[in-house]
């Protein structure tokens, strides 16, 4: 015996719940499943870039982040200790960013999905996915009734079982790098700037100031270095100590909630197939130096949902509509992915980090243009003009 749904979403993170909310609001029968027993904080920087805030406004869910502190820009620190302060440009597409308690945000988002008529099941670990003539069958063990659906959405992260079942995985991901998350208290009220501390050997620590008693840290380093430094906590403490500017402003006796994850990147052949779409990290993920993972998850959940709604309309071509989402996603992030890969080259070369730090620090407009690219206030081409001193024309 099976149950039939219009849409099944595997993964109750930012992308999956965003997609579910749009579908439920449009009257689509949507069922979300997640292997975890409950929503928990994941390994990520709890920062939403300005473009992500604009997506929240488009979704009409700003009350879900009421009280979240603003992020006005970024403080960049080179391996040699050069500090460059930047602010999101006022002439860009978006305003400022936000610091998020991601767990609280997702809990509120899940409540909104249920209120709109969607269904969510936690503790539902997918162990089989079967292609049908008119959709997919998703199973989770003998004790649970399989779900058949017209459309299957993979929102299940870097090691997506949906991407694997649909034959969309390109590679398993780079396991030579690892991300470590932790929280620490600040000695003083933190400046409303995110921070990126670049360290020798290509490691870096992203810092998101939520409040004095909760500063979110994310370290990305080589897995071998993490082992050499005694594991996740040892590596986080030692790398933070190397970044003296960071270490001296925080109370490291309060370091807590340390957790690591790998791989920190993955690739897919494409984001769509017949009656299946991948969103969020499941649709491809790059080492998160740009700190825009939550923003990408929001946008992809929204864009995929709009395509599904169009595709399920009477007389519509579902395959063509899903294909449109794939084209839109590729077009939106192709240039930014190239920028992210360029950053990966730079951070492994200390001389390049110092040269760029000197270039950005020489003029405030350059530093602001650079963070404008990171925060998606500018497209990469618009940001290049701004770096050259030419004011870009924003549509």
Protein backbone atom coordinates (compact mmCIF):
# COMPACT_ATOMS: atom_id res chain seq x y z
CA UNK A 1 0.00 0.00 0.00
CA UNK A 2 1.30 3.47 -0.86
CA UNK A 3 0.20 7.07 -0.44
CA UNK A 4 0.22 9.53 -3.34
CA UNK A 5 1.41 13.14 -3.07
CA UNK A 6 1.85 15.81 -5.67
CA UNK A 7 5.31 16.72 -4.39
CA UNK A 8 7.68 15.02 -1.96
CA UNK A 9 10.64 17.00 -0.64
CA UNK A 10 13.54 15.14 0.95
CA UNK A 11 15.24 17.49 3.42
CA UNK A 12 13.76 19.98 5.90
CA UNK A 13 16.49 22.60 5.75
CA UNK A 14 16.28 26.14 4.42
CA UNK A 15 15.81 25.14 0.77
CA UNK A 16 13.32 22.33 1.40
CA UNK A 17 11.12 24.31 3.78
CA UNK A 18 11.17 27.39 1.55
CA UNK A 19 10.05 25.29 -1.41
CA UNK A 20 7.38 23.59 0.72
CA UNK A 21 6.02 26.91 1.96
CA UNK A 22 5.51 28.27 -1.56
CA UNK A 23 3.87 25.04 -2.73
CA UNK A 24 1.57 24.82 0.29
CA UNK A 25 0.52 28.43 -0.14
CA UNK A 26 -0.39 27.65 -3.76
CA UNK A 27 -2.55 24.72 -2.71
CA UNK A 28 -0.12 21.99 -3.82
CA UNK A 29 -0.16 18.75 -1.80
CA UNK A 30 3.42 18.74 -0.45
CA UNK A 31 5.06 16.26 1.94
CA UNK A 32 8.47 16.98 3.51
CA UNK A 33 10.59 14.23 5.07
CA UNK A 34 13.86 14.49 6.97
CA UNK A 35 16.09 11.87 8.56
CA UNK A 36 16.80 14.01 11.64
CA UNK A 37 14.56 13.67 14.69
CA UNK A 38 14.25 17.43 14.96
CA UNK A 39 15.60 20.67 13.55
CA UNK A 40 19.11 21.35 14.79
CA UNK A 41 21.80 23.88 14.07
CA UNK A 42 23.88 22.81 11.09
CA UNK A 43 27.54 23.47 10.31
CA UNK A 44 27.36 26.81 8.53
CA UNK A 45 27.90 30.50 8.97
CA UNK A 46 24.70 31.89 10.46
CA UNK A 47 24.73 34.88 8.18
CA UNK A 48 22.24 35.95 5.53
CA UNK A 49 23.68 38.19 2.82
CA UNK A 50 21.69 41.21 1.53
CA UNK A 51 20.37 39.26 -1.47
CA UNK A 52 18.99 36.65 0.92
CA UNK A 53 17.18 39.32 2.92
CA UNK A 54 15.54 40.50 -0.31
CA UNK A 55 14.40 36.91 -0.96
CA UNK A 56 12.82 36.79 2.50
CA UNK A 57 10.94 39.97 1.63
CA UNK A 58 9.78 38.40 -1.64
CA UNK A 59 8.59 35.34 0.30
CA UNK A 60 6.74 37.61 2.74
CA UNK A 61 8.33 35.91 5.75
CA UNK A 62 10.27 38.79 7.32
CA UNK A 63 8.35 38.34 10.62
CA UNK A 64 10.20 34.99 10.95
CA UNK A 65 13.50 36.89 11.41
CA UNK A 66 12.12 39.71 13.55
CA UNK A 67 14.81 40.91 15.95
CA UNK A 68 17.72 39.42 13.94
CA UNK A 69 20.68 41.84 14.21
CA UNK A 70 21.86 43.51 11.00
CA UNK A 71 25.19 42.80 9.32
CA UNK A 72 26.43 46.03 7.74
CA UNK A 73 29.48 44.71 5.92
CA UNK A 74 32.61 42.63 6.38
CA UNK A 75 35.92 42.88 8.18
CA UNK A 76 38.61 41.11 6.13
CA UNK A 77 41.91 40.11 7.76
CA UNK A 78 44.85 38.86 5.70
CA UNK A 79 47.31 36.16 6.87
CA UNK A 80 49.77 38.91 7.83
CA UNK A 81 47.12 40.74 9.88
CA UNK A 82 46.14 43.50 7.45
CA UNK A 83 42.58 44.60 8.29
CA UNK A 84 40.19 45.88 5.62
CA UNK A 85 36.76 47.13 6.72
CA UNK A 86 34.01 47.24 4.13
CA UNK A 87 30.30 48.08 4.03
CA UNK A 88 27.62 46.87 1.68
CA UNK A 89 27.29 49.54 -1.02
CA UNK A 90 24.23 51.77 -0.81
CA UNK A 91 23.79 51.86 -4.59
CA UNK A 92 23.49 48.06 -4.90
CA UNK A 93 20.39 45.95 -5.44
CA UNK A 94 19.89 45.13 -1.77
CA UNK A 95 20.34 46.60 1.69
CA UNK A 96 22.20 44.96 4.56
CA UNK A 97 22.54 41.39 5.74
CA UNK A 98 21.30 39.67 8.91
CA UNK A 99 22.73 37.48 11.64
CA UNK A 100 20.46 34.46 12.04
CA UNK A 101 19.87 31.92 14.74
CA UNK A 102 19.35 29.36 12.00
CA UNK A 103 17.68 26.75 14.20
CA UNK A 104 15.07 29.24 15.43
CA UNK A 105 14.50 30.48 11.89
CA UNK A 106 13.95 26.96 10.54
CA UNK A 107 11.59 26.07 13.38
CA UNK A 108 9.47 29.11 12.55
CA UNK A 109 9.64 28.31 8.84
CA UNK A 110 8.48 24.74 9.51
CA UNK A 111 5.55 26.06 11.53
CA UNK A 112 4.64 28.33 8.59
CA UNK A 113 4.68 25.34 6.22
CA UNK A 114 2.28 23.38 8.44
CA UNK A 115 0.02 26.41 8.88
CA UNK A 116 -0.16 26.74 5.09
CA UNK A 117 -1.28 23.11 4.75
CA UNK A 118 2.00 21.29 4.12
CA UNK A 119 3.04 18.15 6.00
CA UNK A 120 6.45 17.47 7.58
CA UNK A 121 7.78 14.21 9.02
CA UNK A 122 11.04 14.10 10.98
CA UNK A 123 12.84 10.85 11.73
CA UNK A 124 11.92 9.66 8.22
CA UNK A 125 15.19 8.32 6.76
CA UNK A 126 14.90 7.56 3.05
CA UNK A 127 16.33 4.14 2.18
CA UNK A 128 14.91 3.61 -1.30
CA UNK A 129 13.94 5.76 -4.27
CA UNK A 130 12.34 4.15 -7.32
CA UNK A 131 11.53 5.72 -10.67
CA UNK A 132 7.92 5.22 -11.84
CA UNK A 133 6.31 5.93 -15.20
CA UNK A 134 4.46 8.90 -13.72
CA UNK A 135 6.71 10.00 -10.87
CA UNK A 136 8.72 8.52 -8.00
CA UNK A 137 8.29 6.15 -5.04
CA UNK A 138 10.16 7.01 -1.85
CA UNK A 139 10.57 4.45 0.93
CA UNK A 140 11.85 4.59 4.51
CA UNK A 141 11.89 1.05 5.84
CA UNK A 142 9.26 -1.64 6.33
CA UNK A 143 7.44 0.18 9.14
CA UNK A 144 6.63 3.24 7.02
CA UNK A 145 4.23 3.42 4.10
CA UNK A 146 6.06 4.38 0.87
CA UNK A 147 5.18 7.70 -0.73
CA UNK A 148 4.49 8.05 -4.44
CA UNK A 149 4.66 11.52 -5.94
CA UNK A 150 4.43 13.39 -9.22
CA UNK A 151 7.54 15.46 -8.45
CA UNK A 152 10.51 14.66 -6.22
CA UNK A 153 12.62 17.50 -4.78
CA UNK A 154 16.09 16.80 -3.39
CA UNK A 155 16.91 19.24 -0.61
CA UNK A 156 19.05 16.79 1.34
CA UNK A 157 22.45 18.43 1.24
CA UNK A 158 25.88 17.63 -0.12
CA UNK A 159 25.45 13.83 -0.02
CA UNK A 160 22.01 13.87 -1.58
CA UNK A 161 20.30 10.49 -1.87
CA UNK A 162 17.90 12.07 -4.35
CA UNK A 163 20.73 13.25 -6.61
CA UNK A 164 22.29 9.80 -6.39
CA UNK A 165 19.03 7.97 -7.22
CA UNK A 166 18.34 10.29 -10.17
CA UNK A 167 21.85 9.81 -11.58
CA UNK A 168 22.70 13.49 -11.15
CA UNK A 169 25.79 13.28 -8.92
CA UNK A 170 28.95 14.27 -10.77
CA UNK A 171 31.41 13.48 -7.99
CA UNK A 172 31.38 12.65 -4.30
CA UNK A 173 32.95 15.94 -3.18
CA UNK A 174 36.31 17.08 -1.87
CA UNK A 175 37.02 15.30 1.40
CA UNK A 176 40.48 16.84 1.74
CA UNK A 177 38.79 19.92 3.29
CA UNK A 178 36.63 20.04 6.39
CA UNK A 179 34.40 22.66 7.99
CA UNK A 180 34.18 23.09 11.78
CA UNK A 181 31.50 25.15 13.52
CA UNK A 182 31.52 26.52 17.03
CA UNK A 183 30.12 29.30 19.20
CA UNK A 184 31.96 31.61 21.57
CA UNK A 185 31.23 34.71 23.67
CA UNK A 186 32.65 38.14 22.85
CA UNK A 187 34.21 40.36 25.55
CA UNK A 188 32.35 43.42 24.22
CA UNK A 189 29.28 44.00 22.07
CA UNK A 190 30.45 42.84 18.63
CA UNK A 191 30.76 45.26 15.76
CA UNK A 192 27.93 44.72 13.26
CA UNK A 193 30.35 43.43 10.64
CA UNK A 194 30.90 39.86 9.63
CA UNK A 195 34.53 38.78 9.60
CA UNK A 196 36.73 36.65 7.38
CA UNK A 197 40.16 35.75 8.73
CA UNK A 198 42.44 34.29 6.06
CA UNK A 199 45.18 32.07 7.50
CA UNK A 200 48.36 30.49 6.15
CA UNK A 201 47.91 27.33 4.10
CA UNK A 202 44.48 28.21 2.73
CA UNK A 203 42.55 27.90 6.00
CA UNK A 204 40.06 30.57 7.02
CA UNK A 205 37.64 31.41 9.81
CA UNK A 206 34.34 33.14 9.14
CA UNK A 207 32.84 35.02 12.08
CA UNK A 208 29.21 36.06 12.41
CA UNK A 209 28.38 38.31 15.39
CA UNK A 210 24.91 37.29 16.57
CA UNK A 211 25.18 38.93 20.02
CA UNK A 212 27.74 39.24 22.81
CA UNK A 213 26.97 35.81 24.24
CA UNK A 214 26.76 34.09 20.84
CA UNK A 215 29.32 34.58 18.11
CA UNK A 216 29.17 31.97 15.33
CA UNK A 217 32.53 30.68 14.01
CA UNK A 218 33.17 28.50 10.97
CA UNK A 219 36.66 27.18 10.27
CA UNK A 220 37.50 25.61 6.90
CA UNK A 221 40.87 23.86 6.67
CA UNK A 222 42.62 20.82 5.23
CA UNK A 223 41.52 17.57 6.85
CA UNK A 224 45.14 16.57 7.45
CA UNK A 225 45.77 19.80 9.36
CA UNK A 226 42.71 19.17 11.49
CA UNK A 227 44.04 15.73 12.44
CA UNK A 228 47.50 17.14 13.14
CA UNK A 229 46.05 19.78 15.46
CA UNK A 230 44.13 17.28 17.56
CA UNK A 231 40.69 17.23 16.01
CA UNK A 232 37.90 19.75 15.59
CA UNK A 233 38.21 21.61 18.89
CA UNK A 234 42.00 21.65 18.86
CA UNK A 235 42.12 22.94 15.30
CA UNK A 236 39.54 25.65 15.95
CA UNK A 237 41.38 26.87 19.06
CA UNK A 238 44.81 26.79 17.42
CA UNK A 239 43.76 28.49 14.21
CA UNK A 240 41.88 31.14 16.21
CA UNK A 241 45.00 31.69 18.32
CA UNK A 242 46.99 32.21 15.11
CA UNK A 243 44.48 34.92 14.15
CA UNK A 244 45.47 37.20 17.04
CA UNK A 245 42.99 39.89 16.04
CA UNK A 246 40.20 37.33 16.47
CA UNK A 247 41.53 35.56 19.54
CA UNK A 248 41.96 38.62 21.73
CA UNK A 249 38.36 39.82 21.36
CA UNK A 250 36.62 36.62 22.50
CA UNK A 251 36.40 34.48 25.63
CA UNK A 252 37.68 31.08 24.49
CA UNK A 253 36.71 29.43 27.76
CA UNK A 254 33.13 29.64 26.42
CA UNK A 255 33.84 27.76 23.16
CA UNK A 256 31.00 25.25 22.66
CA UNK A 257 28.77 23.31 20.25
CA UNK A 258 31.73 22.23 18.13
CA UNK A 259 30.88 20.11 15.14
CA UNK A 260 32.67 19.20 11.90
CA UNK A 261 31.42 18.19 8.47
CA UNK A 262 32.90 17.05 5.18
CA UNK A 263 32.87 17.28 2.17
CA UNK A 264 32.82 21.06 1.86
CA UNK A 265 32.04 20.94 -1.84
CA UNK A 266 30.12 18.76 -4.27
CA UNK A 267 29.11 18.87 -7.90
CA UNK A 268 26.13 17.61 -9.85
CA UNK A 269 25.74 16.99 -13.57
CA UNK A 270 22.67 19.23 -13.58
CA UNK A 271 19.97 20.31 -11.15
CA UNK A 272 16.97 18.70 -12.86
CA UNK A 273 15.91 15.44 -14.46
CA UNK A 274 12.56 13.91 -15.37
CA UNK A 275 10.16 14.94 -12.57
CA UNK A 276 12.99 15.65 -10.13
CA UNK A 277 14.78 18.83 -9.08
CA UNK A 278 17.69 19.52 -6.72
CA UNK A 279 17.80 22.63 -4.52
CA UNK A 280 20.12 24.11 -1.90
CA UNK A 281 23.40 22.27 -1.29
CA UNK A 282 22.00 19.19 -3.06
CA UNK A 283 22.16 21.10 -6.35
CA UNK A 284 25.91 21.70 -6.05
CA UNK A 285 28.03 23.31 -3.39
CA UNK A 286 31.32 25.22 -3.41
CA UNK A 287 33.70 25.67 -0.44
CA UNK A 288 31.72 28.40 1.38
CA UNK A 289 34.17 31.33 1.43
CA UNK A 290 31.49 33.68 0.12
CA UNK A 291 29.15 32.87 3.01
CA UNK A 292 25.98 32.85 0.90
CA UNK A 293 24.75 29.31 1.40
CA UNK A 294 21.53 30.33 3.15
CA UNK A 295 20.78 32.89 0.43
CA UNK A 296 21.27 30.32 -2.34
CA UNK A 297 19.05 27.85 -0.46
CA UNK A 298 16.26 30.44 -0.20
CA UNK A 299 16.47 31.42 -3.86
CA UNK A 300 16.63 27.85 -5.19
CA UNK A 301 13.70 26.77 -3.01
CA UNK A 302 11.64 29.68 -4.31
CA UNK A 303 12.63 29.24 -7.96
CA UNK A 304 12.04 25.48 -7.97
CA UNK A 305 8.65 25.90 -6.29
CA UNK A 306 7.52 28.41 -8.91
CA UNK A 307 8.55 26.00 -11.68
CA UNK A 308 6.67 23.12 -10.02
CA UNK A 309 3.52 25.22 -9.60
CA UNK A 310 3.64 26.11 -13.30
CA UNK A 311 4.37 22.53 -14.29
CA UNK A 312 1.47 21.04 -12.33
CA UNK A 313 -1.08 23.43 -13.85
CA UNK A 314 -3.62 21.76 -16.18
CA UNK A 315 -2.17 21.26 -19.66
CA UNK A 316 1.33 22.38 -18.63
CA UNK A 317 4.56 20.64 -19.60
CA UNK A 318 6.05 19.67 -16.24
CA UNK A 319 9.39 18.57 -17.69
CA UNK A 320 9.82 21.87 -19.54
CA UNK A 321 8.95 23.87 -16.44
CA UNK A 322 11.50 22.02 -14.32
CA UNK A 323 14.06 22.47 -17.07
CA UNK A 324 13.46 26.21 -16.86
CA UNK A 325 14.45 26.15 -13.18
CA UNK A 326 17.71 24.40 -14.10
CA UNK A 327 18.48 26.99 -16.76
CA UNK A 328 17.71 29.87 -14.37
CA UNK A 329 19.88 28.41 -11.65
CA UNK A 330 22.81 27.87 -13.97
CA UNK A 331 22.55 31.37 -15.39
CA UNK A 332 22.24 32.98 -11.96
CA UNK A 333 25.26 31.32 -10.38
CA UNK A 334 27.66 30.56 -13.25
CA UNK A 335 29.64 33.78 -12.84
CA UNK A 336 29.56 33.64 -9.04
CA UNK A 337 30.83 30.05 -9.07
CA UNK A 338 33.80 31.23 -11.13
CA UNK A 339 34.43 33.98 -8.57
CA UNK A 340 34.29 31.40 -5.75
CA UNK A 341 36.82 29.17 -7.53
CA UNK A 342 39.10 32.19 -7.98
CA UNK A 343 38.91 32.88 -4.25
CA UNK A 344 39.99 29.32 -3.54
CA UNK A 345 43.11 29.90 -5.64
CA UNK A 346 43.87 33.18 -3.87
CA UNK A 347 43.52 32.01 -0.27
CA UNK A 348 46.15 29.29 -0.75
CA UNK A 349 48.72 31.91 -1.77
CA UNK A 350 49.70 34.32 0.96
CA UNK A 351 51.27 36.82 -1.41
CA UNK A 352 48.00 37.03 -3.37
CA UNK A 353 45.99 37.61 -0.18
CA UNK A 354 48.33 40.43 0.85
CA UNK A 355 48.28 42.05 -2.60
CA UNK A 356 44.49 42.02 -2.70
CA UNK A 357 44.33 43.31 0.87
CA UNK A 358 46.60 46.20 -0.08
CA UNK A 359 44.54 46.92 -3.22
CA UNK A 360 41.21 46.93 -1.37
CA UNK A 361 42.54 48.83 1.63
CA UNK A 362 43.91 51.66 -0.50
CA UNK A 363 40.42 53.02 -1.23
CA UNK A 364 37.20 52.50 0.73
CA UNK A 365 35.20 52.36 -2.51
CA UNK A 366 37.17 49.30 -3.59
CA UNK A 367 36.58 47.49 -0.32
CA UNK A 368 32.86 48.27 -0.49
CA UNK A 369 32.69 47.12 -4.13
CA UNK A 370 34.36 43.84 -3.19
CA UNK A 371 31.88 43.10 -0.40
CA UNK A 372 29.14 44.17 -2.80
CA UNK A 373 30.09 41.22 -5.01
CA UNK A 374 30.20 38.86 -2.02
CA UNK A 375 26.79 39.97 -0.78
CA UNK A 376 25.25 39.95 -4.27
CA UNK A 377 24.56 43.69 -4.13
CA UNK A 378 26.47 43.67 -7.41
CA UNK A 379 26.81 41.01 -10.06
CA UNK A 380 30.47 40.07 -10.65
CA UNK A 381 30.58 42.24 -13.79
CA UNK A 382 29.01 45.23 -11.98
CA UNK A 383 31.42 44.72 -9.09
CA UNK A 384 34.37 44.69 -11.49
CA UNK A 385 33.29 48.11 -12.76
CA UNK A 386 32.96 49.41 -9.21
CA UNK A 387 36.43 48.09 -8.34
CA UNK A 388 37.74 50.04 -11.33
CA UNK A 389 36.10 53.22 -10.05
CA UNK A 390 33.17 53.18 -12.48
CA UNK A 391 29.73 53.40 -10.91
CA UNK A 392 27.70 50.46 -12.28
CA UNK A 393 24.25 51.04 -13.72
CA UNK A 394 21.87 48.93 -11.60
CA UNK A 395 18.65 47.98 -13.46
